[in-house]
Amino acid sequence: KNHWVWFDGSLYECGLNQKNFSLMIWG
């Protein structure tokens, strides 16, 4: 149960920073 991960920016700590994560989404 860690649904807050969707919103608190923790996903950017899983190897990809915010810039690369955003670039991945656009790709």
mmCIF file of all heavy atoms, coordinates in Angstrom:
data_MODEL
# 
_entry.id   MODEL 
# 
loop_
_atom_site.group_PDB 
_atom_site.id 
_atom_site.type_symbol 
_atom_site.label_atom_id 
_atom_site.label_alt_id 
_atom_site.label_comp_id 
_atom_site.label_asym_id 
_atom_site.label_entity_id 
_atom_site.label_seq_id 
_atom_site.pdbx_PDB_ins_code 
_atom_site.Cartn_x 
_atom_site.Cartn_y 
_atom_site.Cartn_z 
_atom_site.occupancy 
_atom_site.B_iso_or_equiv 
_atom_site.pdbx_formal_charge 
_atom_site.auth_seq_id 
_atom_site.auth_comp_id 
_atom_site.auth_asym_id 
_atom_site.auth_atom_id 
_atom_site.pdbx_PDB_model_num 
ATOM 1   N N   . LYS A 1 1  ? 0.844  -1.196 0.000   1.00 0.00 ? 1  LYS A N   1 
ATOM 2   C CA  . LYS A 1 1  ? 0.000  0.000  0.000   1.00 0.00 ? 1  LYS A CA  1 
ATOM 3   C C   . LYS A 1 1  ? 0.882  1.250  0.000   1.00 0.00 ? 1  LYS A C   1 
ATOM 4   O O   . LYS A 1 1  ? 1.226  1.798  1.049   1.00 0.00 ? 1  LYS A O   1 
ATOM 5   C CB  . LYS A 1 1  ? -0.926 0.014  1.224   1.00 0.00 ? 1  LYS A CB  1 
ATOM 6   C CG  . LYS A 1 1  ? -1.743 -1.253 1.411   1.00 0.00 ? 1  LYS A CG  1 
ATOM 7   C CD  . LYS A 1 1  ? -2.693 -1.516 0.242   1.00 0.00 ? 1  LYS A CD  1 
ATOM 8   C CE  . LYS A 1 1  ? -3.531 -2.761 0.496   1.00 0.00 ? 1  LYS A CE  1 
ATOM 9   N NZ  . LYS A 1 1  ? -4.430 -3.056 -0.652  1.00 0.00 ? 1  LYS A NZ  1 
ATOM 10  N N   . ASN A 1 2  ? 1.270  1.682  -1.163  1.00 0.00 ? 2  ASN A N   1 
ATOM 11  C CA  . ASN A 1 2  ? 2.076  2.910  -1.252  1.00 0.00 ? 2  ASN A CA  1 
ATOM 12  C C   . ASN A 1 2  ? 1.577  3.781  -2.400  1.00 0.00 ? 2  ASN A C   1 
ATOM 13  O O   . ASN A 1 2  ? 2.343  4.230  -3.250  1.00 0.00 ? 2  ASN A O   1 
ATOM 14  C CB  . ASN A 1 2  ? 3.563  2.576  -1.437  1.00 0.00 ? 2  ASN A CB  1 
ATOM 15  C CG  . ASN A 1 2  ? 3.826  1.718  -2.665  1.00 0.00 ? 2  ASN A CG  1 
ATOM 16  O OD1 . ASN A 1 2  ? 2.908  1.156  -3.265  1.00 0.00 ? 2  ASN A OD1 1 
ATOM 17  N ND2 . ASN A 1 2  ? 5.086  1.623  -3.061  1.00 0.00 ? 2  ASN A ND2 1 
ATOM 18  N N   . HIS A 1 3  ? 0.271  4.046  -2.412  1.00 0.00 ? 3  HIS A N   1 
ATOM 19  C CA  . HIS A 1 3  ? -0.351 4.771  -3.512  1.00 0.00 ? 3  HIS A CA  1 
ATOM 20  C C   . HIS A 1 3  ? 0.137  6.213  -3.613  1.00 0.00 ? 3  HIS A C   1 
ATOM 21  O O   . HIS A 1 3  ? -0.022 6.846  -4.661  1.00 0.00 ? 3  HIS A O   1 
ATOM 22  C CB  . HIS A 1 3  ? -1.874 4.749  -3.347  1.00 0.00 ? 3  HIS A CB  1 
ATOM 23  C CG  . HIS A 1 3  ? -2.449 3.357  -3.252  1.00 0.00 ? 3  HIS A CG  1 
ATOM 24  N ND1 . HIS A 1 3  ? -2.277 2.433  -4.257  1.00 0.00 ? 3  HIS A ND1 1 
ATOM 25  C CD2 . HIS A 1 3  ? -3.156 2.736  -2.282  1.00 0.00 ? 3  HIS A CD2 1 
ATOM 26  C CE1 . HIS A 1 3  ? -2.872 1.305  -3.915  1.00 0.00 ? 3  HIS A CE1 1 
ATOM 27  N NE2 . HIS A 1 3  ? -3.406 1.453  -2.705  1.00 0.00 ? 3  HIS A NE2 1 
ATOM 28  N N   . TRP A 1 4  ? 0.715  6.748  -2.549  1.00 0.00 ? 4  TRP A N   1 
ATOM 29  C CA  . TRP A 1 4  ? 1.215  8.120  -2.584  1.00 0.00 ? 4  TRP A CA  1 
ATOM 30  C C   . TRP A 1 4  ? 2.368  8.284  -3.581  1.00 0.00 ? 4  TRP A C   1 
ATOM 31  O O   . TRP A 1 4  ? 2.673  9.403  -3.997  1.00 0.00 ? 4  TRP A O   1 
ATOM 32  C CB  . TRP A 1 4  ? 1.687  8.534  -1.190  1.00 0.00 ? 4  TRP A CB  1 
ATOM 33  C CG  . TRP A 1 4  ? 2.796  7.660  -0.662  1.00 0.00 ? 4  TRP A CG  1 
ATOM 34  C CD1 . TRP A 1 4  ? 4.127  7.803  -0.879  1.00 0.00 ? 4  TRP A CD1 1 
ATOM 35  C CD2 . TRP A 1 4  ? 2.646  6.484  0.154   1.00 0.00 ? 4  TRP A CD2 1 
ATOM 36  N NE1 . TRP A 1 4  ? 4.839  6.803  -0.262  1.00 0.00 ? 4  TRP A NE1 1 
ATOM 37  C CE2 . TRP A 1 4  ? 3.951  5.981  0.385   1.00 0.00 ? 4  TRP A CE2 1 
ATOM 38  C CE3 . TRP A 1 4  ? 1.545  5.821  0.693   1.00 0.00 ? 4  TRP A CE3 1 
ATOM 39  C CZ2 . TRP A 1 4  ? 4.166  4.827  1.134   1.00 0.00 ? 4  TRP A CZ2 1 
ATOM 40  C CZ3 . TRP A 1 4  ? 1.767  4.689  1.448   1.00 0.00 ? 4  TRP A CZ3 1 
ATOM 41  C CH2 . TRP A 1 4  ? 3.059  4.194  1.663   1.00 0.00 ? 4  TRP A CH2 1 
ATOM 42  N N   . VAL A 1 5  ? 2.979  7.160  -3.950  1.00 0.00 ? 5  VAL A N   1 
ATOM 43  C CA  . VAL A 1 5  ? 4.105  7.214  -4.894  1.00 0.00 ? 5  VAL A CA  1 
ATOM 44  C C   . VAL A 1 5  ? 3.683  7.846  -6.223  1.00 0.00 ? 5  VAL A C   1 
ATOM 45  O O   . VAL A 1 5  ? 4.484  8.482  -6.912  1.00 0.00 ? 5  VAL A O   1 
ATOM 46  C CB  . VAL A 1 5  ? 4.667  5.793  -5.114  1.00 0.00 ? 5  VAL A CB  1 
ATOM 47  C CG1 . VAL A 1 5  ? 5.686  5.774  -6.248  1.00 0.00 ? 5  VAL A CG1 1 
ATOM 48  C CG2 . VAL A 1 5  ? 5.298  5.283  -3.822  1.00 0.00 ? 5  VAL A CG2 1 
ATOM 49  N N   . TRP A 1 6  ? 2.395  7.681  -6.575  1.00 0.00 ? 6  TRP A N   1 
ATOM 50  C CA  . TRP A 1 6  ? 1.912  8.274  -7.822  1.00 0.00 ? 6  TRP A CA  1 
ATOM 51  C C   . TRP A 1 6  ? 2.041  9.803  -7.821  1.00 0.00 ? 6  TRP A C   1 
ATOM 52  O O   . TRP A 1 6  ? 2.154  10.416 -8.891  1.00 0.00 ? 6  TRP A O   1 
ATOM 53  C CB  . TRP A 1 6  ? 0.432  7.930  -8.048  1.00 0.00 ? 6  TRP A CB  1 
ATOM 54  C CG  . TRP A 1 6  ? 0.140  6.490  -8.356  1.00 0.00 ? 6  TRP A CG  1 
ATOM 55  C CD1 . TRP A 1 6  ? -0.453 5.591  -7.516  1.00 0.00 ? 6  TRP A CD1 1 
ATOM 56  C CD2 . TRP A 1 6  ? 0.381  5.785  -9.575  1.00 0.00 ? 6  TRP A CD2 1 
ATOM 57  N NE1 . TRP A 1 6  ? -0.589 4.366  -8.138  1.00 0.00 ? 6  TRP A NE1 1 
ATOM 58  C CE2 . TRP A 1 6  ? -0.081 4.460  -9.412  1.00 0.00 ? 6  TRP A CE2 1 
ATOM 59  C CE3 . TRP A 1 6  ? 0.952  6.151  -10.792 1.00 0.00 ? 6  TRP A CE3 1 
ATOM 60  C CZ2 . TRP A 1 6  ? 0.009  3.504  -10.404 1.00 0.00 ? 6  TRP A CZ2 1 
ATOM 61  C CZ3 . TRP A 1 6  ? 1.043  5.199  -11.796 1.00 0.00 ? 6  TRP A CZ3 1 
ATOM 62  C CH2 . TRP A 1 6  ? 0.580  3.887  -11.604 1.00 0.00 ? 6  TRP A CH2 1 
ATOM 63  N N   . PHE A 1 7  ? 2.047  10.412 -6.639  1.00 0.00 ? 7  PHE A N   1 
ATOM 64  C CA  . PHE A 1 7  ? 1.889  11.867 -6.559  1.00 0.00 ? 7  PHE A CA  1 
ATOM 65  C C   . PHE A 1 7  ? 3.055  12.610 -5.903  1.00 0.00 ? 7  PHE A C   1 
ATOM 66  O O   . PHE A 1 7  ? 3.140  13.834 -6.048  1.00 0.00 ? 7  PHE A O   1 
ATOM 67  C CB  . PHE A 1 7  ? 0.606  12.207 -5.781  1.00 0.00 ? 7  PHE A CB  1 
ATOM 68  C CG  . PHE A 1 7  ? -0.599 11.431 -6.241  1.00 0.00 ? 7  PHE A CG  1 
ATOM 69  C CD1 . PHE A 1 7  ? -1.093 10.372 -5.482  1.00 0.00 ? 7  PHE A CD1 1 
ATOM 70  C CD2 . PHE A 1 7  ? -1.234 11.755 -7.424  1.00 0.00 ? 7  PHE A CD2 1 
ATOM 71  C CE1 . PHE A 1 7  ? -2.197 9.654  -5.895  1.00 0.00 ? 7  PHE A CE1 1 
ATOM 72  C CE2 . PHE A 1 7  ? -2.344 11.045 -7.852  1.00 0.00 ? 7  PHE A CE2 1 
ATOM 73  C CZ  . PHE A 1 7  ? -2.833 9.987  -7.090  1.00 0.00 ? 7  PHE A CZ  1 
ATOM 74  N N   . ASP A 1 8  ? 3.909  11.913 -5.161  1.00 0.00 ? 8  ASP A N   1 
ATOM 75  C CA  . ASP A 1 8  ? 4.918  12.646 -4.379  1.00 0.00 ? 8  ASP A CA  1 
ATOM 76  C C   . ASP A 1 8  ? 6.285  12.730 -5.062  1.00 0.00 ? 8  ASP A C   1 
ATOM 77  O O   . ASP A 1 8  ? 7.253  13.174 -4.447  1.00 0.00 ? 8  ASP A O   1 
ATOM 78  C CB  . ASP A 1 8  ? 5.074  12.011 -2.995  1.00 0.00 ? 8  ASP A CB  1 
ATOM 79  C CG  . ASP A 1 8  ? 5.674  10.611 -3.055  1.00 0.00 ? 8  ASP A CG  1 
ATOM 80  O OD1 . ASP A 1 8  ? 5.884  10.096 -4.181  1.00 0.00 ? 8  ASP A OD1 1 
ATOM 81  O OD2 . ASP A 1 8  ? 5.923  10.021 -1.980  1.00 0.00 ? 8  ASP A OD2 1 
ATOM 82  N N   . GLY A 1 9  ? 6.391  12.296 -6.305  1.00 0.00 ? 9  GLY A N   1 
ATOM 83  C CA  . GLY A 1 9  ? 7.656  12.393 -7.023  1.00 0.00 ? 9  GLY A CA  1 
ATOM 84  C C   . GLY A 1 9  ? 8.613  11.255 -6.770  1.00 0.00 ? 9  GLY A C   1 
ATOM 85  O O   . GLY A 1 9  ? 9.753  11.275 -7.273  1.00 0.00 ? 9  GLY A O   1 
ATOM 86  N N   . SER A 1 10 ? 8.188  10.237 -6.020  1.00 0.00 ? 10 SER A N   1 
ATOM 87  C CA  . SER A 1 10 ? 9.079  9.113  -5.713  1.00 0.00 ? 10 SER A CA  1 
ATOM 88  C C   . SER A 1 10 ? 9.451  8.309  -6.960  1.00 0.00 ? 10 SER A C   1 
ATOM 89  O O   . SER A 1 10 ? 10.513 7.667  -6.999  1.00 0.00 ? 10 SER A O   1 
ATOM 90  C CB  . SER A 1 10 ? 8.418  8.184  -4.697  1.00 0.00 ? 10 SER A CB  1 
ATOM 91  O OG  . SER A 1 10 ? 8.164  8.850  -3.482  1.00 0.00 ? 10 SER A OG  1 
ATOM 92  N N   . LEU A 1 11 ? 8.598  8.349  -7.977  1.00 0.00 ? 11 LEU A N   1 
ATOM 93  C CA  . LEU A 1 11 ? 8.893  7.606  -9.206  1.00 0.00 ? 11 LEU A CA  1 
ATOM 94  C C   . LEU A 1 11 ? 10.159 8.128  -9.880  1.00 0.00 ? 11 LEU A C   1 
ATOM 95  O O   . LEU A 1 11 ? 10.823 7.397  -10.615 1.00 0.00 ? 11 LEU A O   1 
ATOM 96  C CB  . LEU A 1 11 ? 7.715  7.695  -10.183 1.00 0.00 ? 11 LEU A CB  1 
ATOM 97  C CG  . LEU A 1 11 ? 6.446  6.926  -9.801  1.00 0.00 ? 11 LEU A CG  1 
ATOM 98  C CD1 . LEU A 1 11 ? 5.345  7.188  -10.820 1.00 0.00 ? 11 LEU A CD1 1 
ATOM 99  C CD2 . LEU A 1 11 ? 6.717  5.424  -9.708  1.00 0.00 ? 11 LEU A CD2 1 
ATOM 100 N N   . TYR A 1 12 ? 10.514 9.384  -9.599  1.00 0.00 ? 12 TYR A N   1 
ATOM 101 C CA  . TYR A 1 12 ? 11.711 9.956  -10.203 1.00 0.00 ? 12 TYR A CA  1 
ATOM 102 C C   . TYR A 1 12 ? 12.985 9.484  -9.511  1.00 0.00 ? 12 TYR A C   1 
ATOM 103 O O   . TYR A 1 12 ? 14.090 9.842  -9.929  1.00 0.00 ? 12 TYR A O   1 
ATOM 104 C CB  . TYR A 1 12 ? 11.642 11.487 -10.155 1.00 0.00 ? 12 TYR A CB  1 
ATOM 105 C CG  . TYR A 1 12 ? 10.406 12.071 -10.786 1.00 0.00 ? 12 TYR A CG  1 
ATOM 106 C CD1 . TYR A 1 12 ? 9.744  13.142 -10.207 1.00 0.00 ? 12 TYR A CD1 1 
ATOM 107 C CD2 . TYR A 1 12 ? 9.886  11.538 -11.969 1.00 0.00 ? 12 TYR A CD2 1 
ATOM 108 C CE1 . TYR A 1 12 ? 8.596  13.685 -10.783 1.00 0.00 ? 12 TYR A CE1 1 
ATOM 109 C CE2 . TYR A 1 12 ? 8.747  12.069 -12.556 1.00 0.00 ? 12 TYR A CE2 1 
ATOM 110 C CZ  . TYR A 1 12 ? 8.100  13.139 -11.959 1.00 0.00 ? 12 TYR A CZ  1 
ATOM 111 O OH  . TYR A 1 12 ? 6.978  13.670 -12.537 1.00 0.00 ? 12 TYR A OH  1 
ATOM 112 N N   . GLU A 1 13 ? 12.833 8.686  -8.462  1.00 0.00 ? 13 GLU A N   1 
ATOM 113 C CA  . GLU A 1 13 ? 13.993 8.151  -7.743  1.00 0.00 ? 13 GLU A CA  1 
ATOM 114 C C   . GLU A 1 13 ? 14.269 6.695  -8.116  1.00 0.00 ? 13 GLU A C   1 
ATOM 115 O O   . GLU A 1 13 ? 15.057 6.026  -7.464  1.00 0.00 ? 13 GLU A O   1 
ATOM 116 C CB  . GLU A 1 13 ? 13.764 8.262  -6.235  1.00 0.00 ? 13 GLU A CB  1 
ATOM 117 C CG  . GLU A 1 13 ? 13.531 9.698  -5.765  1.00 0.00 ? 13 GLU A CG  1 
ATOM 118 C CD  . GLU A 1 13 ? 13.108 9.761  -4.303  1.00 0.00 ? 13 GLU A CD  1 
ATOM 119 O OE1 . GLU A 1 13 ? 13.041 8.690  -3.668  1.00 0.00 ? 13 GLU A OE1 1 
ATOM 120 O OE2 . GLU A 1 13 ? 12.850 10.878 -3.809  1.00 0.00 ? 13 GLU A OE2 1 
ATOM 121 N N   . CYS A 1 14 ? 13.602 6.231  -9.167  1.00 0.00 ? 14 CYS A N   1 
ATOM 122 C CA  . CYS A 1 14 ? 13.749 4.825  -9.570  1.00 0.00 ? 14 CYS A CA  1 
ATOM 123 C C   . CYS A 1 14 ? 14.602 4.717  -10.830 1.00 0.00 ? 14 CYS A C   1 
ATOM 124 O O   . CYS A 1 14 ? 14.253 4.035  -11.793 1.00 0.00 ? 14 CYS A O   1 
ATOM 125 C CB  . CYS A 1 14 ? 12.365 4.215  -9.809  1.00 0.00 ? 14 CYS A CB  1 
ATOM 126 S SG  . CYS A 1 14 ? 12.344 2.409  -9.778  1.00 0.00 ? 14 CYS A SG  1 
ATOM 127 N N   . GLY A 1 15 ? 15.714 5.419  -10.821 1.00 0.00 ? 15 GLY A N   1 
ATOM 128 C CA  . GLY A 1 15 ? 16.651 5.331  -11.937 1.00 0.00 ? 15 GLY A CA  1 
ATOM 129 C C   . GLY A 1 15 ? 16.555 6.466  -12.928 1.00 0.00 ? 15 GLY A C   1 
ATOM 130 O O   . GLY A 1 15 ? 17.550 6.813  -13.572 1.00 0.00 ? 15 GLY A O   1 
ATOM 131 N N   . LEU A 1 16 ? 15.363 7.044  -13.098 1.00 0.00 ? 16 LEU A N   1 
ATOM 132 C CA  . LEU A 1 16 ? 15.175 8.132  -14.056 1.00 0.00 ? 16 LEU A CA  1 
ATOM 133 C C   . LEU A 1 16 ? 14.759 9.399  -13.308 1.00 0.00 ? 16 LEU A C   1 
ATOM 134 O O   . LEU A 1 16 ? 13.813 9.377  -12.526 1.00 0.00 ? 16 LEU A O   1 
ATOM 135 C CB  . LEU A 1 16 ? 14.088 7.779  -15.080 1.00 0.00 ? 16 LEU A CB  1 
ATOM 136 C CG  . LEU A 1 16 ? 14.379 6.643  -16.062 1.00 0.00 ? 16 LEU A CG  1 
ATOM 137 C CD1 . LEU A 1 16 ? 13.172 6.411  -16.964 1.00 0.00 ? 16 LEU A CD1 1 
ATOM 138 C CD2 . LEU A 1 16 ? 15.620 6.936  -16.901 1.00 0.00 ? 16 LEU A CD2 1 
ATOM 139 N N   . ASN A 1 17 ? 15.453 10.509 -13.570 1.00 0.00 ? 17 ASN A N   1 
ATOM 140 C CA  . ASN A 1 17 ? 15.040 11.773 -12.973 1.00 0.00 ? 17 ASN A CA  1 
ATOM 141 C C   . ASN A 1 17 ? 13.805 12.305 -13.699 1.00 0.00 ? 17 ASN A C   1 
ATOM 142 O O   . ASN A 1 17 ? 13.330 11.710 -14.670 1.00 0.00 ? 17 ASN A O   1 
ATOM 143 C CB  . ASN A 1 17 ? 16.181 12.794 -12.998 1.00 0.00 ? 17 ASN A CB  1 
ATOM 144 C CG  . ASN A 1 17 ? 16.692 13.050 -14.416 1.00 0.00 ? 17 ASN A CG  1 
ATOM 145 O OD1 . ASN A 1 17 ? 15.960 12.912 -15.396 1.00 0.00 ? 17 ASN A OD1 1 
ATOM 146 N ND2 . ASN A 1 17 ? 17.962 13.421 -14.518 1.00 0.00 ? 17 ASN A ND2 1 
ATOM 147 N N   . GLN A 1 18 ? 13.282 13.412 -13.231 1.00 0.00 ? 18 GLN A N   1 
ATOM 148 C CA  . GLN A 1 18 ? 12.032 13.943 -13.777 1.00 0.00 ? 18 GLN A CA  1 
ATOM 149 C C   . GLN A 1 18 ? 12.160 14.256 -15.272 1.00 0.00 ? 18 GLN A C   1 
ATOM 150 O O   . GLN A 1 18 ? 11.246 13.999 -16.052 1.00 0.00 ? 18 GLN A O   1 
ATOM 151 C CB  . GLN A 1 18 ? 11.606 15.195 -13.020 1.00 0.00 ? 18 GLN A CB  1 
ATOM 152 C CG  . GLN A 1 18 ? 10.244 15.735 -13.459 1.00 0.00 ? 18 GLN A CG  1 
ATOM 153 C CD  . GLN A 1 18 ? 9.762  16.883 -12.598 1.00 0.00 ? 18 GLN A CD  1 
ATOM 154 O OE1 . GLN A 1 18 ? 10.446 17.278 -11.658 1.00 0.00 ? 18 GLN A OE1 1 
ATOM 155 N NE2 . GLN A 1 18 ? 8.587  17.413 -12.895 1.00 0.00 ? 18 GLN A NE2 1 
ATOM 156 N N   . LYS A 1 19 ? 13.295 14.794 -15.683 1.00 0.00 ? 19 LYS A N   1 
ATOM 157 C CA  . LYS A 1 19 ? 13.499 15.143 -17.082 1.00 0.00 ? 19 LYS A CA  1 
ATOM 158 C C   . LYS A 1 19 ? 13.445 13.900 -17.961 1.00 0.00 ? 19 LYS A C   1 
ATOM 159 O O   . LYS A 1 19 ? 12.751 13.870 -18.989 1.00 0.00 ? 19 LYS A O   1 
ATOM 160 C CB  . LYS A 1 19 ? 14.848 15.855 -17.241 1.00 0.00 ? 19 LYS A CB  1 
ATOM 161 C CG  . LYS A 1 19 ? 15.188 16.217 -18.671 1.00 0.00 ? 19 LYS A CG  1 
ATOM 162 C CD  . LYS A 1 19 ? 16.568 16.872 -18.744 1.00 0.00 ? 19 LYS A CD  1 
ATOM 163 C CE  . LYS A 1 19 ? 16.959 17.141 -20.193 1.00 0.00 ? 19 LYS A CE  1 
ATOM 164 N NZ  . LYS A 1 19 ? 18.319 17.762 -20.288 1.00 0.00 ? 19 LYS A NZ  1 
ATOM 165 N N   . ASN A 1 20 ? 14.180 12.857 -17.576 1.00 0.00 ? 20 ASN A N   1 
ATOM 166 C CA  . ASN A 1 20 ? 14.202 11.632 -18.377 1.00 0.00 ? 20 ASN A CA  1 
ATOM 167 C C   . ASN A 1 20 ? 12.869 10.891 -18.316 1.00 0.00 ? 20 ASN A C   1 
ATOM 168 O O   . ASN A 1 20 ? 12.449 10.279 -19.299 1.00 0.00 ? 20 ASN A O   1 
ATOM 169 C CB  . ASN A 1 20 ? 15.331 10.715 -17.900 1.00 0.00 ? 20 ASN A CB  1 
ATOM 170 C CG  . ASN A 1 20 ? 16.654 11.066 -18.520 1.00 0.00 ? 20 ASN A CG  1 
ATOM 171 O OD1 . ASN A 1 20 ? 16.867 10.876 -19.709 1.00 0.00 ? 20 ASN A OD1 1 
ATOM 172 N ND2 . ASN A 1 20 ? 17.555 11.613 -17.719 1.00 0.00 ? 20 ASN A ND2 1 
ATOM 173 N N   . PHE A 1 21 ? 12.206 10.962 -17.159 1.00 0.00 ? 21 PHE A N   1 
ATOM 174 C CA  . PHE A 1 21 ? 10.899 10.318 -17.031 1.00 0.00 ? 21 PHE A CA  1 
ATOM 175 C C   . PHE A 1 21 ? 9.888  11.002 -17.954 1.00 0.00 ? 21 PHE A C   1 
ATOM 176 O O   . PHE A 1 21 ? 9.103  10.329 -18.647 1.00 0.00 ? 21 PHE A O   1 
ATOM 177 C CB  . PHE A 1 21 ? 10.425 10.384 -15.581 1.00 0.00 ? 21 PHE A CB  1 
ATOM 178 C CG  . PHE A 1 21 ? 9.295  9.440  -15.271 1.00 0.00 ? 21 PHE A CG  1 
ATOM 179 C CD1 . PHE A 1 21 ? 9.541  8.162  -14.794 1.00 0.00 ? 21 PHE A CD1 1 
ATOM 180 C CD2 . PHE A 1 21 ? 7.973  9.827  -15.464 1.00 0.00 ? 21 PHE A CD2 1 
ATOM 181 C CE1 . PHE A 1 21 ? 8.503  7.287  -14.514 1.00 0.00 ? 21 PHE A CE1 1 
ATOM 182 C CE2 . PHE A 1 21 ? 6.923  8.970  -15.181 1.00 0.00 ? 21 PHE A CE2 1 
ATOM 183 C CZ  . PHE A 1 21 ? 7.185  7.695  -14.702 1.00 0.00 ? 21 PHE A CZ  1 
ATOM 184 N N   . SER A 1 22 ? 9.905  12.321 -17.997 1.00 0.00 ? 22 SER A N   1 
ATOM 185 C CA  . SER A 1 22 ? 8.995  13.064 -18.869 1.00 0.00 ? 22 SER A CA  1 
ATOM 186 C C   . SER A 1 22 ? 9.296  12.781 -20.337 1.00 0.00 ? 22 SER A C   1 
ATOM 187 O O   . SER A 1 22 ? 8.379  12.615 -21.154 1.00 0.00 ? 22 SER A O   1 
ATOM 188 C CB  . SER A 1 22 ? 9.107  14.565 -18.589 1.00 0.00 ? 22 SER A CB  1 
ATOM 189 O OG  . SER A 1 22 ? 8.762  14.853 -17.253 1.00 0.00 ? 22 SER A OG  1 
ATOM 190 N N   . LEU A 1 23 ? 10.581 12.733 -20.660 1.00 0.00 ? 23 LEU A N   1 
ATOM 191 C CA  . LEU A 1 23 ? 10.970 12.425 -22.033 1.00 0.00 ? 23 LEU A CA  1 
ATOM 192 C C   . LEU A 1 23 ? 10.483 11.036 -22.436 1.00 0.00 ? 23 LEU A C   1 
ATOM 193 O O   . LEU A 1 23 ? 10.019 10.820 -23.564 1.00 0.00 ? 23 LEU A O   1 
ATOM 194 C CB  . LEU A 1 23 ? 12.496 12.517 -22.174 1.00 0.00 ? 23 LEU A CB  1 
ATOM 195 C CG  . LEU A 1 23 ? 13.072 12.269 -23.567 1.00 0.00 ? 23 LEU A CG  1 
ATOM 196 C CD1 . LEU A 1 23 ? 12.533 13.285 -24.567 1.00 0.00 ? 23 LEU A CD1 1 
ATOM 197 C CD2 . LEU A 1 23 ? 14.598 12.329 -23.522 1.00 0.00 ? 23 LEU A CD2 1 
ATOM 198 N N   . MET A 1 24 ? 10.561 10.102 -21.509 1.00 0.00 ? 24 MET A N   1 
ATOM 199 C CA  . MET A 1 24 ? 10.075 8.739  -21.769 1.00 0.00 ? 24 MET A CA  1 
ATOM 200 C C   . MET A 1 24 ? 8.568  8.749  -22.056 1.00 0.00 ? 24 MET A C   1 
ATOM 201 O O   . MET A 1 24 ? 8.106  8.095  -22.999 1.00 0.00 ? 24 MET A O   1 
ATOM 202 C CB  . MET A 1 24 ? 10.374 7.854  -20.557 1.00 0.00 ? 24 MET A CB  1 
ATOM 203 C CG  . MET A 1 24 ? 9.823  6.445  -20.649 1.00 0.00 ? 24 MET A CG  1 
ATOM 204 S SD  . MET A 1 24 ? 10.012 5.552  -19.081 1.00 0.00 ? 24 MET A SD  1 
ATOM 205 C CE  . MET A 1 24 ? 8.842  6.441  -18.029 1.00 0.00 ? 24 MET A CE  1 
ATOM 206 N N   . ILE A 1 25 ? 7.807  9.489  -21.268 1.00 0.00 ? 25 ILE A N   1 
ATOM 207 C CA  . ILE A 1 25 ? 6.358  9.557  -21.463 1.00 0.00 ? 25 ILE A CA  1 
ATOM 208 C C   . ILE A 1 25 ? 6.021  10.145 -22.830 1.00 0.00 ? 25 ILE A C   1 
ATOM 209 O O   . ILE A 1 25 ? 5.156  9.626  -23.558 1.00 0.00 ? 25 ILE A O   1 
ATOM 210 C CB  . ILE A 1 25 ? 5.698  10.387 -20.347 1.00 0.00 ? 25 ILE A CB  1 
ATOM 211 C CG1 . ILE A 1 25 ? 5.900  9.702  -18.988 1.00 0.00 ? 25 ILE A CG1 1 
ATOM 212 C CG2 . ILE A 1 25 ? 4.212  10.577 -20.634 1.00 0.00 ? 25 ILE A CG2 1 
ATOM 213 C CD1 . ILE A 1 25 ? 5.300  8.323  -18.894 1.00 0.00 ? 25 ILE A CD1 1 
ATOM 214 N N   . TRP A 1 26 ? 6.710  11.225 -23.225 1.00 0.00 ? 26 TRP A N   1 
ATOM 215 C CA  . TRP A 1 26 ? 6.457  11.823 -24.532 1.00 0.00 ? 26 TRP A CA  1 
ATOM 216 C C   . TRP A 1 26 ? 6.816  10.848 -25.655 1.00 0.00 ? 26 TRP A C   1 
ATOM 217 O O   . TRP A 1 26 ? 6.132  10.779 -26.682 1.00 0.00 ? 26 TRP A O   1 
ATOM 218 C CB  . TRP A 1 26 ? 7.244  13.120 -24.688 1.00 0.00 ? 26 TRP A CB  1 
ATOM 219 C CG  . TRP A 1 26 ? 6.632  14.274 -23.963 1.00 0.00 ? 26 TRP A CG  1 
ATOM 220 C CD1 . TRP A 1 26 ? 7.094  14.890 -22.834 1.00 0.00 ? 26 TRP A CD1 1 
ATOM 221 C CD2 . TRP A 1 26 ? 5.419  14.943 -24.304 1.00 0.00 ? 26 TRP A CD2 1 
ATOM 222 N NE1 . TRP A 1 26 ? 6.256  15.898 -22.442 1.00 0.00 ? 26 TRP A NE1 1 
ATOM 223 C CE2 . TRP A 1 26 ? 5.209  15.962 -23.335 1.00 0.00 ? 26 TRP A CE2 1 
ATOM 224 C CE3 . TRP A 1 26 ? 4.478  14.802 -25.325 1.00 0.00 ? 26 TRP A CE3 1 
ATOM 225 C CZ2 . TRP A 1 26 ? 4.111  16.821 -23.365 1.00 0.00 ? 26 TRP A CZ2 1 
ATOM 226 C CZ3 . TRP A 1 26 ? 3.381  15.648 -25.354 1.00 0.00 ? 26 TRP A CZ3 1 
ATOM 227 C CH2 . TRP A 1 26 ? 3.212  16.643 -24.393 1.00 0.00 ? 26 TRP A CH2 1 
ATOM 228 N N   . GLY A 1 27 ? 7.892  10.086 -25.464 1.00 0.00 ? 27 GLY A N   1 
ATOM 229 C CA  . GLY A 1 27 ? 8.273  9.091  -26.461 1.00 0.00 ? 27 GLY A CA  1 
ATOM 230 C C   . GLY A 1 27 ? 7.233  7.999  -26.598 1.00 0.00 ? 27 GLY A C   1 
ATOM 231 O O   . GLY A 1 27 ? 6.927  7.546  -27.710 1.00 0.00 ? 27 GLY A O   1 
# 
